[in-house]
Amino acid sequence: MADKIHCVRKTLRLRPTEADLLAERADKANMSEAEYLRLLINQRPNCYPAIRKLLKDLINEMNRIGNNINQITHRNNMGFYSADDKNQLVAYMKKLNISIEEAVKTFGDNENSTYEKR
């Protein structure tokens, strides 16, 4: 029985080398060939597993840093703010900036992005 979401069937002709490349790239992405072709057609970055994992890791890192910033702010409001707290805050912000820069370098530049080189 046909899938209700994917109900339109298309026939595609490929050279043997293209068919092998499609099979290899789909396998590398742990997808069926049809799923991989739909991914390429949609071109939504959040469809790529590597991008989803990176975004999840960034969100988790931001949450941890936010928690630490809240603790420092609480100590400041209580009158216990110190130079060490300021240094910690600067270090957390640098760490966050580095994480975001890595994400942009990895996935932000369309010509050099990892997910398009599959």
C-alpha atoms as a PDB file:
ATOM      1  CA  MET A   1       0.000   0.000   0.000  1.00  0.00           C
ATOM      2  CA  ALA A   2       1.312   3.443  -0.905  1.00  0.00           C
ATOM      3  CA  ASP A   3       2.480   5.826   1.763  1.00  0.00           C
ATOM      4  CA  LYS A   4      -0.181   8.523   2.268  1.00  0.00           C
ATOM      5  CA  ILE A   5       2.425  11.259   2.662  1.00  0.00           C
ATOM      6  CA  HIS A   6       4.650  10.215  -0.231  1.00  0.00           C
ATOM      7  CA  CYS A   7       2.004   9.217  -2.764  1.00  0.00           C
ATOM      8  CA  VAL A   8       3.546  10.575  -5.996  1.00  0.00           C
ATOM      9  CA  ARG A   9       5.874   8.173  -7.782  1.00  0.00           C
ATOM     10  CA  LYS A  10       8.662   9.509 -10.023  1.00  0.00           C
ATOM     11  CA  THR A  11      10.885   7.512 -12.331  1.00  0.00           C
ATOM     12  CA  LEU A  12      14.495   8.582 -12.413  1.00  0.00           C
ATOM     13  CA  ARG A  13      17.177   7.548 -14.887  1.00  0.00           C
ATOM     14  CA  LEU A  14      20.779   7.578 -13.709  1.00  0.00           C
ATOM     15  CA  ARG A  15      24.115   6.467 -15.085  1.00  0.00           C
ATOM     16  CA  PRO A  16      25.592   3.499 -13.217  1.00  0.00           C
ATOM     17  CA  THR A  17      28.203   5.747 -11.597  1.00  0.00           C
ATOM     18  CA  GLU A  18      25.482   8.162 -10.448  1.00  0.00           C
ATOM     19  CA  ALA A  19      23.396   5.299  -9.080  1.00  0.00           C
ATOM     20  CA  ASP A  20      26.424   3.974  -7.176  1.00  0.00           C
ATOM     21  CA  LEU A  21      27.150   7.445  -5.804  1.00  0.00           C
ATOM     22  CA  LEU A  22      23.529   7.874  -4.700  1.00  0.00           C
ATOM     23  CA  ALA A  23      23.553   4.496  -2.970  1.00  0.00           C
ATOM     24  CA  GLU A  24      26.884   5.257  -1.276  1.00  0.00           C
ATOM     25  CA  ARG A  25      25.825   8.688  -0.012  1.00  0.00           C
ATOM     26  CA  ALA A  26      22.432   7.459   1.183  1.00  0.00           C
ATOM     27  CA  ASP A  27      24.111   4.598   3.024  1.00  0.00           C
ATOM     28  CA  LYS A  28      26.655   6.973   4.558  1.00  0.00           C
ATOM     29  CA  ALA A  29      23.778   9.143   5.834  1.00  0.00           C
ATOM     30  CA  ASN A  30      21.945   6.021   7.136  1.00  0.00           C
ATOM     31  CA  MET A  31      18.975   6.775   4.878  1.00  0.00           C
ATOM     32  CA  SER A  32      17.154   5.093   2.056  1.00  0.00           C
ATOM     33  CA  GLU A  33      17.842   6.485  -1.399  1.00  0.00           C
ATOM     34  CA  ALA A  34      14.356   8.031  -1.509  1.00  0.00           C
ATOM     35  CA  GLU A  35      14.845   9.707   1.883  1.00  0.00           C
ATOM     36  CA  TYR A  36      18.230  11.009   0.790  1.00  0.00           C
ATOM     37  CA  LEU A  37      16.798  12.469  -2.441  1.00  0.00           C
ATOM     38  CA  ARG A  38      13.981  14.155  -0.491  1.00  0.00           C
ATOM     39  CA  LEU A  39      16.600  15.596   1.853  1.00  0.00           C
ATOM     40  CA  LEU A  40      18.528  17.048  -1.080  1.00  0.00           C
ATOM     41  CA  ILE A  41      15.355  18.492  -2.597  1.00  0.00           C
ATOM     42  CA  ASN A  42      14.224  20.124   0.644  1.00  0.00           C
ATOM     43  CA  GLN A  43      17.668  21.506   1.523  1.00  0.00           C
ATOM     44  CA  ARG A  44      16.610  22.330   5.066  1.00  0.00           C
ATOM     45  CA  PRO A  45      19.678  22.354   7.297  1.00  0.00           C
ATOM     46  CA  ASN A  46      17.745  20.942  10.253  1.00  0.00           C
ATOM     47  CA  CYS A  47      17.152  17.770   8.194  1.00  0.00           C
ATOM     48  CA  TYR A  48      20.817  16.847   8.432  1.00  0.00           C
ATOM     49  CA  PRO A  49      21.641  14.662  11.436  1.00  0.00           C
ATOM     50  CA  ALA A  50      24.993  16.374  11.985  1.00  0.00           C
ATOM     51  CA  ILE A  51      23.359  19.799  12.146  1.00  0.00           C
ATOM     52  CA  ARG A  52      20.624  18.578  14.494  1.00  0.00           C
ATOM     53  CA  LYS A  53      23.257  17.131  16.843  1.00  0.00           C
ATOM     54  CA  LEU A  54      25.348  20.291  16.701  1.00  0.00           C
ATOM     55  CA  LEU A  55      22.339  22.484  17.453  1.00  0.00           C
ATOM     56  CA  LYS A  56      21.330  20.225  20.347  1.00  0.00           C
ATOM     57  CA  ASP A  57      24.866  20.402  21.756  1.00  0.00           C
ATOM     58  CA  LEU A  58      24.909  24.194  21.381  1.00  0.00           C
ATOM     59  CA  ILE A  59      21.572  24.536  23.147  1.00  0.00           C
ATOM     60  CA  ASN A  60      22.771  22.330  26.006  1.00  0.00           C
ATOM     61  CA  GLU A  61      25.991  24.333  26.288  1.00  0.00           C
ATOM     62  CA  MET A  62      24.055  27.605  26.301  1.00  0.00           C
ATOM     63  CA  ASN A  63      21.765  26.282  29.035  1.00  0.00           C
ATOM     64  CA  ARG A  64      24.745  25.297  31.203  1.00  0.00           C
ATOM     65  CA  ILE A  65      26.397  28.667  30.667  1.00  0.00           C
ATOM     66  CA  GLY A  66      23.096  30.440  31.365  1.00  0.00           C
ATOM     67  CA  ASN A  67      22.792  28.552  34.634  1.00  0.00           C
ATOM     68  CA  ASN A  68      26.299  29.619  35.629  1.00  0.00           C
ATOM     69  CA  ILE A  69      25.558  33.238  34.685  1.00  0.00           C
ATOM     70  CA  ASN A  70      22.407  33.129  36.833  1.00  0.00           C
ATOM     71  CA  GLN A  71      24.453  31.890  39.788  1.00  0.00           C
ATOM     72  CA  ILE A  72      26.994  34.683  39.322  1.00  0.00           C
ATOM     73  CA  THR A  73      24.187  37.242  39.043  1.00  0.00           C
ATOM     74  CA  HIS A  74      22.603  35.884  42.217  1.00  0.00           C
ATOM     75  CA  ARG A  75      25.914  36.258  44.078  1.00  0.00           C
ATOM     76  CA  ASN A  76      26.213  39.805  42.717  1.00  0.00           C
ATOM     77  CA  ASN A  77      22.707  40.667  43.937  1.00  0.00           C
ATOM     78  CA  MET A  78      23.574  39.284  47.372  1.00  0.00           C
ATOM     79  CA  GLY A  79      26.691  41.450  47.494  1.00  0.00           C
ATOM     80  CA  PHE A  80      29.150  38.566  47.093  1.00  0.00           C
ATOM     81  CA  TYR A  81      30.325  39.393  43.565  1.00  0.00           C
ATOM     82  CA  SER A  82      34.100  39.094  43.176  1.00  0.00           C
ATOM     83  CA  ALA A  83      36.745  39.535  40.511  1.00  0.00           C
ATOM     84  CA  ASP A  84      36.824  35.744  40.128  1.00  0.00           C
ATOM     85  CA  ASP A  85      33.123  35.801  39.254  1.00  0.00           C
ATOM     86  CA  LYS A  86      33.817  38.414  36.582  1.00  0.00           C
ATOM     87  CA  ASN A  87      36.634  36.266  35.166  1.00  0.00           C
ATOM     88  CA  GLN A  88      34.349  33.239  35.143  1.00  0.00           C
ATOM     89  CA  LEU A  89      31.664  35.187  33.337  1.00  0.00           C
ATOM     90  CA  VAL A  90      34.131  36.320  30.667  1.00  0.00           C
ATOM     91  CA  ALA A  91      35.403  32.736  30.271  1.00  0.00           C
ATOM     92  CA  TYR A  92      31.861  31.401  29.837  1.00  0.00           C
ATOM     93  CA  MET A  93      31.090  34.007  27.193  1.00  0.00           C
ATOM     94  CA  LYS A  94      34.319  33.178  25.322  1.00  0.00           C
ATOM     95  CA  LYS A  95      33.456  29.480  25.433  1.00  0.00           C
ATOM     96  CA  LEU A  96      29.995  30.189  24.058  1.00  0.00           C
ATOM     97  CA  ASN A  97      31.406  32.393  21.284  1.00  0.00           C
ATOM     98  CA  ILE A  98      33.917  29.701  20.319  1.00  0.00           C
ATOM     99  CA  SER A  99      31.152  27.075  20.136  1.00  0.00           C
ATOM    100  CA  ILE A 100      29.039  29.300  17.904  1.00  0.00           C
ATOM    101  CA  GLU A 101      32.017  30.140  15.669  1.00  0.00           C
ATOM    102  CA  GLU A 102      32.734  26.420  15.235  1.00  0.00           C
ATOM    103  CA  ALA A 103      29.120  25.821  14.230  1.00  0.00           C
ATOM    104  CA  VAL A 104      29.248  28.638  11.699  1.00  0.00           C
ATOM    105  CA  LYS A 105      32.547  27.381  10.272  1.00  0.00           C
ATOM    106  CA  THR A 106      31.222  23.841  10.026  1.00  0.00           C
ATOM    107  CA  PHE A 107      27.762  24.491   8.630  1.00  0.00           C
ATOM    108  CA  GLY A 108      27.391  28.171   7.849  1.00  0.00           C
ATOM    109  CA  ASP A 109      29.389  28.537   4.647  1.00  0.00           C
ATOM    110  CA  ASN A 110      27.495  26.864   1.799  1.00  0.00           C
ATOM    111  CA  GLU A 111      30.608  26.385  -0.328  1.00  0.00           C
ATOM    112  CA  ASN A 112      32.601  24.714   2.439  1.00  0.00           C
ATOM    113  CA  SER A 113      29.888  23.053   4.482  1.00  0.00           C
ATOM    114  CA  THR A 114      30.321  19.443   5.489  1.00  0.00           C
ATOM    115  CA  TYR A 115      26.739  18.436   4.816  1.00  0.00           C
ATOM    116  CA  GLU A 116      26.890  19.408   1.145  1.00  0.00           C
ATOM    117  CA  LYS A 117      30.089  17.439   0.530  1.00  0.00           C
ATOM    118  CA  ARG A 118      28.486  14.069   1.267  1.00  0.00           C
END
